[in-house]
């Protein structure tokens, strides 16, 4: 699994905190961010493009 860029993790955790997500829950959110990050890189999708989420979501549906 690819490592998330340090700056991305920092920004994401800050966003989670701003939205009231408690620190003990952050690893669960980061896990799904890593899954998405890996998926985008595996299929040559841009992680920051909202359209890249659709194929990721479909893959999750297929896998159930």
Protein backbone atom coordinates (compact mmCIF):
# COMPACT_ATOMS: atom_id res chain seq x y z
CA UNK A 1 0.00 0.00 0.00
CA UNK A 2 1.29 3.43 -0.90
CA UNK A 3 2.14 5.83 1.89
CA UNK A 4 0.10 8.99 2.04
CA UNK A 5 2.06 12.23 1.67
CA UNK A 6 2.80 13.72 5.10
CA UNK A 7 1.25 17.06 4.19
CA UNK A 8 -1.94 15.36 3.01
CA UNK A 9 -2.24 13.47 6.30
CA UNK A 10 -1.71 16.67 8.27
CA UNK A 11 -4.34 18.56 6.27
CA UNK A 12 -6.81 15.68 6.40
CA UNK A 13 -6.47 15.24 10.15
CA UNK A 14 -6.97 18.99 10.59
CA UNK A 15 -10.13 18.77 8.49
CA UNK A 16 -11.39 15.82 10.52
CA UNK A 17 -10.85 17.76 13.73
CA UNK A 18 -12.65 20.80 12.30
CA UNK A 19 -15.63 18.56 11.56
CA UNK A 20 -15.72 17.20 15.11
CA UNK A 21 -14.16 13.81 14.42
CA UNK A 22 -12.29 12.78 17.58
CA UNK A 23 -8.58 11.86 17.27
CA UNK A 24 -9.12 8.16 18.21
CA UNK A 25 -11.31 7.84 15.11
CA UNK A 26 -8.78 9.40 12.70
CA UNK A 27 -6.99 6.12 11.87
CA UNK A 28 -10.23 4.68 10.47
CA UNK A 29 -10.73 7.68 8.20
CA UNK A 30 -7.08 7.60 7.15
CA UNK A 31 -7.42 3.90 6.28
CA UNK A 32 -10.14 4.71 3.73
CA UNK A 33 -8.16 7.63 2.39
CA UNK A 34 -5.23 5.24 1.84
CA UNK A 35 -7.52 2.79 0.02
CA UNK A 36 -8.73 5.58 -2.24
CA UNK A 37 -5.17 6.86 -2.76
CA UNK A 38 -3.98 3.37 -3.78
CA UNK A 39 -6.95 2.85 -6.09
CA UNK A 40 -6.33 6.12 -7.89
CA UNK A 41 -2.68 5.35 -8.40
CA UNK A 42 -3.37 1.79 -9.52
CA UNK A 43 -5.86 2.95 -12.17
CA UNK A 44 -4.06 6.19 -13.12
CA UNK A 45 -6.82 8.43 -11.76
CA UNK A 46 -6.30 11.85 -10.24
CA UNK A 47 -7.10 11.59 -6.49
CA UNK A 48 -8.07 15.27 -6.33
CA UNK A 49 -10.60 14.92 -9.17
CA UNK A 50 -14.12 14.27 -7.86
CA UNK A 51 -14.81 12.09 -10.90
CA UNK A 52 -12.17 9.63 -9.66
CA UNK A 53 -14.37 8.71 -6.72
CA UNK A 54 -17.08 7.19 -8.93
CA UNK A 55 -14.96 4.22 -10.12
CA UNK A 56 -13.70 3.72 -6.55
CA UNK A 57 -17.28 3.65 -5.25
CA UNK A 58 -18.27 1.20 -7.99
CA UNK A 59 -15.34 -1.08 -7.10
CA UNK A 60 -16.50 -1.11 -3.47
CA UNK A 61 -20.04 -1.99 -4.57
CA UNK A 62 -18.80 -4.87 -6.70
CA UNK A 63 -16.67 -6.20 -3.84
CA UNK A 64 -19.54 -5.71 -1.37
